[in-house]
Amino acid sequence: MARVRYLGPEPVTVPELGPERVVHPDEVVEVPDARFEGYVCQTSNWEAVEEPRPEETEAPTPAPRKSAAKPQKGD
């Protein structure tokens, strides 16, 4: 889950985070990764604290293989 900080001047109710969930000014909350952009695009109300992590299903890109050097013939 990603984390955002609420920048507004007064507490707000955020139903997406739970029933009756109230977020207070300067409070950091966890939000679903898929909804992270919906919060941080409201720059006057929210700021990013921790961005979503990359999908765990994505395997890291392997480094390209290098071929072994050919032995050089001596005179």
PDB file of N, CA and C in Angstrom:
ATOM      1  N   MET A   1       0.835  -1.178   0.000  1.00  0.00           N
ATOM      2  CA  MET A   1       0.000   0.000   0.000  1.00  0.00           C
ATOM      3  C   MET A   1       0.885   1.249   0.000  1.00  0.00           C
ATOM      4  N   ALA A   2       0.403   2.271  -0.675  1.00  0.00           N
ATOM      5  CA  ALA A   2       1.102   3.542  -0.741  1.00  0.00           C
ATOM      6  C   ALA A   2       0.683   4.398   0.460  1.00  0.00           C
ATOM      7  N   ARG A   3       1.452   5.460   0.694  1.00  0.00           N
ATOM      8  CA  ARG A   3       1.129   6.341   1.822  1.00  0.00           C
ATOM      9  C   ARG A   3       1.106   7.791   1.349  1.00  0.00           C
ATOM     10  N   VAL A   4       0.130   8.537   1.859  1.00  0.00           N
ATOM     11  CA  VAL A   4      -0.023   9.953   1.526  1.00  0.00           C
ATOM     12  C   VAL A   4      -0.268  10.753   2.805  1.00  0.00           C
ATOM     13  N   ARG A   5       0.023  12.048   2.741  1.00  0.00           N
ATOM     14  CA  ARG A   5      -0.211  12.956   3.876  1.00  0.00           C
ATOM     15  C   ARG A   5      -1.326  13.929   3.485  1.00  0.00           C
ATOM     16  N   TYR A   6      -2.262  14.110   4.403  1.00  0.00           N
ATOM     17  CA  TYR A   6      -3.356  15.055   4.176  1.00  0.00           C
ATOM     18  C   TYR A   6      -2.888  16.462   4.526  1.00  0.00           C
ATOM     19  N   LEU A   7      -3.068  17.413   3.592  1.00  0.00           N
ATOM     20  CA  LEU A   7      -2.593  18.781   3.768  1.00  0.00           C
ATOM     21  C   LEU A   7      -3.693  19.780   4.077  1.00  0.00           C
ATOM     22  N   GLY A   8      -4.940  19.336   4.050  1.00  0.00           N
ATOM     23  CA  GLY A   8      -6.063  20.254   4.247  1.00  0.00           C
ATOM     24  C   GLY A   8      -6.082  20.876   5.635  1.00  0.00           C
ATOM     25  N   PRO A   9      -6.873  21.953   5.799  1.00  0.00           N
ATOM     26  CA  PRO A   9      -6.918  22.685   7.067  1.00  0.00           C
ATOM     27  C   PRO A   9      -7.840  22.066   8.120  1.00  0.00           C
ATOM     28  N   GLU A  10      -8.786  21.223   7.694  1.00  0.00           N
ATOM     29  CA  GLU A  10      -9.760  20.627   8.620  1.00  0.00           C
ATOM     30  C   GLU A  10      -9.847  19.120   8.392  1.00  0.00           C
ATOM     31  N   PRO A  11     -10.248  18.355   9.405  1.00  0.00           N
ATOM     32  CA  PRO A  11     -10.426  16.916   9.218  1.00  0.00           C
ATOM     33  C   PRO A  11     -11.456  16.620   8.123  1.00  0.00           C
ATOM     34  N   VAL A  12     -11.248  15.529   7.403  1.00  0.00           N
ATOM     35  CA  VAL A  12     -12.185  15.095   6.358  1.00  0.00           C
ATOM     36  C   VAL A  12     -12.509  13.616   6.547  1.00  0.00           C
ATOM     37  N   THR A  13     -13.702  13.224   6.117  1.00  0.00           N
ATOM     38  CA  THR A  13     -14.103  11.828   6.136  1.00  0.00           C
ATOM     39  C   THR A  13     -13.713  11.223   4.787  1.00  0.00           C
ATOM     40  N   VAL A  14     -13.017  10.089   4.815  1.00  0.00           N
ATOM     41  CA  VAL A  14     -12.582   9.415   3.591  1.00  0.00           C
ATOM     42  C   VAL A  14     -13.146   7.990   3.627  1.00  0.00           C
ATOM     43  N   PRO A  15     -14.370   7.789   3.099  1.00  0.00           N
ATOM     44  CA  PRO A  15     -15.021   6.482   3.169  1.00  0.00           C
ATOM     45  C   PRO A  15     -14.204   5.354   2.530  1.00  0.00           C
ATOM     46  N   GLU A  16     -13.418   5.674   1.530  1.00  0.00           N
ATOM     47  CA  GLU A  16     -12.598   4.663   0.858  1.00  0.00           C
ATOM     48  C   GLU A  16     -11.625   3.978   1.820  1.00  0.00           C
ATOM     49  N   LEU A  17     -11.238   4.671   2.865  1.00  0.00           N
ATOM     50  CA  LEU A  17     -10.271   4.126   3.810  1.00  0.00           C
ATOM     51  C   LEU A  17     -10.928   3.360   4.956  1.00  0.00           C
ATOM     52  N   GLY A  18     -12.225   3.355   5.009  1.00  0.00           N
ATOM     53  CA  GLY A  18     -12.945   2.622   6.046  1.00  0.00           C
ATOM     54  C   GLY A  18     -14.186   3.390   6.444  1.00  0.00           C
ATOM     55  N   PRO A  19     -15.165   2.682   6.995  1.00  0.00           N
ATOM     56  CA  PRO A  19     -16.399   3.368   7.384  1.00  0.00           C
ATOM     57  C   PRO A  19     -16.123   4.429   8.460  1.00  0.00           C
ATOM     58  N   GLU A  20     -16.643   5.600   8.202  1.00  0.00           N
ATOM     59  CA  GLU A  20     -16.496   6.691   9.170  1.00  0.00           C
ATOM     60  C   GLU A  20     -15.042   7.095   9.411  1.00  0.00           C
ATOM     61  N   ARG A  21     -14.125   6.815   8.457  1.00  0.00           N
ATOM     62  CA  ARG A  21     -12.698   7.111   8.640  1.00  0.00           C
ATOM     63  C   ARG A  21     -12.469   8.602   8.489  1.00  0.00           C
ATOM     64  N   VAL A  22     -11.975   9.239   9.536  1.00  0.00           N
ATOM     65  CA  VAL A  22     -11.670  10.665   9.519  1.00  0.00           C
ATOM     66  C   VAL A  22     -10.155  10.828   9.457  1.00  0.00           C
ATOM     67  N   VAL A  23      -9.700  11.673   8.529  1.00  0.00           N
ATOM     68  CA  VAL A  23      -8.273  11.961   8.381  1.00  0.00           C
ATOM     69  C   VAL A  23      -8.053  13.397   8.821  1.00  0.00           C
ATOM     70  N   HIS A  24      -7.097  13.593   9.698  1.00  0.00           N
ATOM     71  CA  HIS A  24      -6.810  14.918  10.265  1.00  0.00           C
ATOM     72  C   HIS A  24      -5.653  15.587   9.522  1.00  0.00           C
ATOM     73  N   PRO A  25      -5.571  16.926   9.593  1.00  0.00           N
ATOM     74  CA  PRO A  25      -4.472  17.639   8.936  1.00  0.00           C
ATOM     75  C   PRO A  25      -3.106  17.080   9.353  1.00  0.00           C
ATOM     76  N   ASP A  26      -2.242  16.932   8.383  1.00  0.00           N
ATOM     77  CA  ASP A  26      -0.863  16.442   8.547  1.00  0.00           C
ATOM     78  C   ASP A  26      -0.795  14.948   8.906  1.00  0.00           C
ATOM     79  N   GLU A  27      -1.910  14.238   8.815  1.00  0.00           N
ATOM     80  CA  GLU A  27      -1.913  12.799   9.099  1.00  0.00           C
ATOM     81  C   GLU A  27      -1.475  12.022   7.866  1.00  0.00           C
ATOM     82  N   VAL A  28      -0.663  10.989   8.077  1.00  0.00           N
ATOM     83  CA  VAL A  28      -0.218  10.103   7.003  1.00  0.00           C
ATOM     84  C   VAL A  28      -1.092   8.859   7.045  1.00  0.00           C
ATOM     85  N   VAL A  29      -1.650   8.496   5.881  1.00  0.00           N
ATOM     86  CA  VAL A  29      -2.522   7.328   5.799  1.00  0.00           C
ATOM     87  C   VAL A  29      -2.089   6.428   4.646  1.00  0.00           C
ATOM     88  N   GLU A  30      -2.413   5.141   4.764  1.00  0.00           N
ATOM     89  CA  GLU A  30      -2.162   4.200   3.676  1.00  0.00           C
ATOM     90  C   GLU A  30      -3.366   4.200   2.747  1.00  0.00           C
ATOM     91  N   VAL A  31      -3.088   4.194   1.451  1.00  0.00           N
ATOM     92  CA  VAL A  31      -4.148   4.153   0.444  1.00  0.00           C
ATOM     93  C   VAL A  31      -3.846   3.008  -0.516  1.00  0.00           C
ATOM     94  N   PRO A  32      -4.880   2.454  -1.148  1.00  0.00           N
ATOM     95  CA  PRO A  32      -4.638   1.382  -2.112  1.00  0.00           C
ATOM     96  C   PRO A  32      -3.721   1.865  -3.238  1.00  0.00           C
ATOM     97  N   ASP A  33      -2.785   1.018  -3.650  1.00  0.00           N
ATOM     98  CA  ASP A  33      -1.849   1.386  -4.717  1.00  0.00           C
ATOM     99  C   ASP A  33      -2.575   1.875  -5.967  1.00  0.00           C
ATOM    100  N   ALA A  34      -3.665   1.212  -6.310  1.00  0.00           N
ATOM    101  CA  ALA A  34      -4.400   1.566  -7.523  1.00  0.00           C
ATOM    102  C   ALA A  34      -5.039   2.953  -7.427  1.00  0.00           C
ATOM    103  N   ARG A  35      -5.222   3.488  -6.236  1.00  0.00           N
ATOM    104  CA  ARG A  35      -5.854   4.789  -6.042  1.00  0.00           C
ATOM    105  C   ARG A  35      -4.861   5.895  -5.692  1.00  0.00           C
ATOM    106  N   PHE A  36      -3.585   5.572  -5.603  1.00  0.00           N
ATOM    107  CA  PHE A  36      -2.551   6.534  -5.216  1.00  0.00           C
ATOM    108  C   PHE A  36      -2.605   7.807  -6.066  1.00  0.00           C
ATOM    109  N   GLU A  37      -2.678   7.649  -7.380  1.00  0.00           N
ATOM    110  CA  GLU A  37      -2.682   8.814  -8.280  1.00  0.00           C
ATOM    111  C   GLU A  37      -3.899   9.700  -8.040  1.00  0.00           C
ATOM    112  N   GLY A  38      -5.020   9.104  -7.636  1.00  0.00           N
ATOM    113  CA  GLY A  38      -6.225   9.873  -7.359  1.00  0.00           C
ATOM    114  C   GLY A  38      -6.068  10.804  -6.166  1.00  0.00           C
ATOM    115  N   TYR A  39      -5.161  10.482  -5.280  1.00  0.00           N
ATOM    116  CA  TYR A  39      -4.889  11.343  -4.128  1.00  0.00           C
ATOM    117  C   TYR A  39      -3.839  12.397  -4.486  1.00  0.00           C
ATOM    118  N   VAL A  40      -2.693  11.959  -4.997  1.00  0.00           N
ATOM    119  CA  VAL A  40      -1.591  12.902  -5.195  1.00  0.00           C
ATOM    120  C   VAL A  40      -1.836  13.894  -6.332  1.00  0.00           C
ATOM    121  N   CYS A  41      -2.834  13.635  -7.184  1.00  0.00           N
ATOM    122  CA  CYS A  41      -3.146  14.631  -8.220  1.00  0.00           C
ATOM    123  C   CYS A  41      -3.862  15.835  -7.609  1.00  0.00           C
ATOM    124  N   GLN A  42      -4.353  15.694  -6.389  1.00  0.00           N
ATOM    125  CA  GLN A  42      -4.986  16.799  -5.662  1.00  0.00           C
ATOM    126  C   GLN A  42      -3.923  17.468  -4.792  1.00  0.00           C
ATOM    127  N   THR A  43      -3.025  18.167  -5.430  1.00  0.00           N
ATOM    128  CA  THR A  43      -1.826  18.691  -4.756  1.00  0.00           C
ATOM    129  C   THR A  43      -2.112  19.668  -3.620  1.00  0.00           C
ATOM    130  N   SER A  44      -3.285  20.270  -3.600  1.00  0.00           N
ATOM    131  CA  SER A  44      -3.594  21.186  -2.495  1.00  0.00           C
ATOM    132  C   SER A  44      -4.102  20.428  -1.265  1.00  0.00           C
ATOM    133  N   ASN A  45      -4.429  19.136  -1.428  1.00  0.00           N
ATOM    134  CA  ASN A  45      -4.967  18.351  -0.316  1.00  0.00           C
ATOM    135  C   ASN A  45      -4.086  17.188   0.129  1.00  0.00           C
ATOM    136  N   TRP A  46      -3.303  16.633  -0.770  1.00  0.00           N
ATOM    137  CA  TRP A  46      -2.532  15.423  -0.459  1.00  0.00           C
ATOM    138  C   TRP A  46      -1.126  15.523  -1.023  1.00  0.00           C
ATOM    139  N   GLU A  47      -0.166  14.906  -0.332  1.00  0.00           N
ATOM    140  CA  GLU A  47       1.189  14.803  -0.881  1.00  0.00           C
ATOM    141  C   GLU A  47       1.668  13.364  -0.708  1.00  0.00           C
ATOM    142  N   ALA A  48       2.499  12.922  -1.630  1.00  0.00           N
ATOM    143  CA  ALA A  48       3.031  11.559  -1.588  1.00  0.00           C
ATOM    144  C   ALA A  48       4.032  11.434  -0.449  1.00  0.00           C
ATOM    145  N   VAL A  49       3.961  10.316   0.268  1.00  0.00           N
ATOM    146  CA  VAL A  49       4.935   9.998   1.307  1.00  0.00           C
ATOM    147  C   VAL A  49       5.702   8.753   0.875  1.00  0.00           C
ATOM    148  N   GLU A  50       4.972   7.757   0.391  1.00  0.00           N
ATOM    149  CA  GLU A  50       5.587   6.517  -0.092  1.00  0.00           C
ATOM    150  C   GLU A  50       4.796   6.049  -1.301  1.00  0.00           C
ATOM    151  N   GLU A  51       5.453   5.992  -2.447  1.00  0.00           N
ATOM    152  CA  GLU A  51       4.785   5.586  -3.676  1.00  0.00           C
ATOM    153  C   GLU A  51       4.513   4.086  -3.681  1.00  0.00           C
ATOM    154  N   PRO A  52       3.575   3.656  -4.532  1.00  0.00           N
ATOM    155  CA  PRO A  52       3.302   2.220  -4.621  1.00  0.00           C
ATOM    156  C   PRO A  52       4.555   1.461  -5.042  1.00  0.00           C
ATOM    157  N   ARG A  53       4.696   0.264  -4.517  1.00  0.00           N
ATOM    158  CA  ARG A  53       5.818  -0.589  -4.916  1.00  0.00           C
ATOM    159  C   ARG A  53       5.510  -1.223  -6.260  1.00  0.00           C
ATOM    160  N   PRO A  54       6.543  -1.565  -7.018  1.00  0.00           N
ATOM    161  CA  PRO A  54       6.300  -2.251  -8.294  1.00  0.00           C
ATOM    162  C   PRO A  54       5.576  -3.567  -8.037  1.00  0.00           C
ATOM    163  N   GLU A  55       4.819  -4.001  -9.016  1.00  0.00           N
ATOM    164  CA  GLU A  55       4.099  -5.269  -8.912  1.00  0.00           C
ATOM    165  C   GLU A  55       5.065  -6.394  -8.590  1.00  0.00           C
ATOM    166  N   GLU A  56       4.695  -7.229  -7.636  1.00  0.00           N
ATOM    167  CA  GLU A  56       5.568  -8.339  -7.259  1.00  0.00           C
ATOM    168  C   GLU A  56       5.565  -9.439  -8.305  1.00  0.00           C
ATOM    169  N   THR A  57       4.573  -9.408  -9.211  1.00  0.00           N
ATOM    170  CA  THR A  57       4.513 -10.432 -10.251  1.00  0.00           C
ATOM    171  C   THR A  57       5.539 -10.154 -11.346  1.00  0.00           C
ATOM    172  N   GLU A  58       6.022  -8.929 -11.418  1.00  0.00           N
ATOM    173  CA  GLU A  58       7.025  -8.594 -12.423  1.00  0.00           C
ATOM    174  C   GLU A  58       8.391  -9.099 -11.966  1.00  0.00           C
ATOM    175  N   ALA A  59       9.002  -9.910 -12.804  1.00  0.00           N
ATOM    176  CA  ALA A  59      10.344 -10.403 -12.486  1.00  0.00           C
ATOM    177  C   ALA A  59      11.350  -9.330 -12.883  1.00  0.00           C
ATOM    178  N   PRO A  60      12.413  -9.175 -12.126  1.00  0.00           N
ATOM    179  CA  PRO A  60      13.424  -8.194 -12.516  1.00  0.00           C
ATOM    180  C   PRO A  60      14.034  -8.569 -13.860  1.00  0.00           C
ATOM    181  N   THR A  61      14.394  -7.562 -14.622  1.00  0.00           N
ATOM    182  CA  THR A  61      14.996  -7.813 -15.925  1.00  0.00           C
ATOM    183  C   THR A  61      16.394  -8.380 -15.734  1.00  0.00           C
ATOM    184  N   PRO A  62      16.651  -9.577 -16.306  1.00  0.00           N
ATOM    185  CA  PRO A  62      17.980 -10.165 -16.139  1.00  0.00           C
ATOM    186  C   PRO A  62      19.027  -9.371 -16.922  1.00  0.00           C
ATOM    187  N   ALA A  63      20.234  -9.373 -16.424  1.00  0.00           N
ATOM    188  CA  ALA A  63      21.331  -8.697 -17.111  1.00  0.00           C
ATOM    189  C   ALA A  63      21.644  -9.456 -18.396  1.00  0.00           C
ATOM    190  N   PRO A  64      22.032  -8.748 -19.449  1.00  0.00           N
ATOM    191  CA  PRO A  64      22.356  -9.445 -20.694  1.00  0.00           C
ATOM    192  C   PRO A  64      23.570 -10.348 -20.500  1.00  0.00           C
ATOM    193  N   ARG A  65      23.533 -11.470 -21.164  1.00  0.00           N
ATOM    194  CA  ARG A  65      24.642 -12.416 -21.048  1.00  0.00           C
ATOM    195  C   ARG A  65      25.797 -11.969 -21.924  1.00  0.00           C
ATOM    196  N   LYS A  66      26.971 -12.187 -21.434  1.00  0.00           N
ATOM    197  CA  LYS A  66      28.177 -11.866 -22.216  1.00  0.00           C
ATOM    198  C   LYS A  66      28.792 -13.177 -22.662  1.00  0.00           C
ATOM    199  N   SER A  67      29.257 -13.178 -23.890  1.00  0.00           N
ATOM    200  CA  SER A  67      29.903 -14.402 -24.366  1.00  0.00           C
ATOM    201  C   SER A  67      31.321 -14.455 -23.823  1.00  0.00           C
ATOM    202  N   ALA A  68      31.795 -15.652 -23.647  1.00  0.00           N
ATOM    203  CA  ALA A  68      33.168 -15.841 -23.145  1.00  0.00           C
ATOM    204  C   ALA A  68      34.155 -15.369 -24.208  1.00  0.00           C
ATOM    205  N   ALA A  69      35.248 -14.825 -23.753  1.00  0.00           N
ATOM    206  CA  ALA A  69      36.278 -14.365 -24.679  1.00  0.00           C
ATOM    207  C   ALA A  69      36.944 -15.575 -25.338  1.00  0.00           C
ATOM    208  N   LYS A  70      37.224 -15.426 -26.617  1.00  0.00           N
ATOM    209  CA  LYS A  70      37.908 -16.518 -27.331  1.00  0.00           C
ATOM    210  C   LYS A  70      39.387 -16.461 -27.005  1.00  0.00           C
ATOM    211  N   PRO A  71      40.000 -17.634 -26.789  1.00  0.00           N
ATOM    212  CA  PRO A  71      41.442 -17.625 -26.510  1.00  0.00           C
ATOM    213  C   PRO A  71      42.201 -17.123 -27.731  1.00  0.00           C
ATOM    214  N   GLN A  72      43.246 -16.353 -27.475  1.00  0.00           N
ATOM    215  CA  GLN A  72      44.059 -15.832 -28.565  1.00  0.00           C
ATOM    216  C   GLN A  72      45.207 -16.793 -28.827  1.00  0.00           C
ATOM    217  N   LYS A  73      45.542 -16.955 -30.096  1.00  0.00           N
ATOM    218  CA  LYS A  73      46.654 -17.831 -30.463  1.00  0.00           C
ATOM    219  C   LYS A  73      47.951 -17.053 -30.373  1.00  0.00           C
ATOM    220  N   GLY A  74      48.934 -17.688 -29.777  1.00  0.00           N
ATOM    221  CA  GLY A  74      50.240 -17.067 -29.667  1.00  0.00           C
ATOM    222  C   GLY A  74      51.139 -17.489 -30.837  1.00  0.00           C
ATOM    223  N   ASP A  75      52.214 -16.764 -31.129  1.00  0.00           N
ATOM    224  CA  ASP A  75      53.113 -17.107 -32.237  1.00  0.00           C
ATOM    225  C   ASP A  75      54.089 -18.166 -31.842  1.00  0.00           C
TER     226      ASP A  75
END
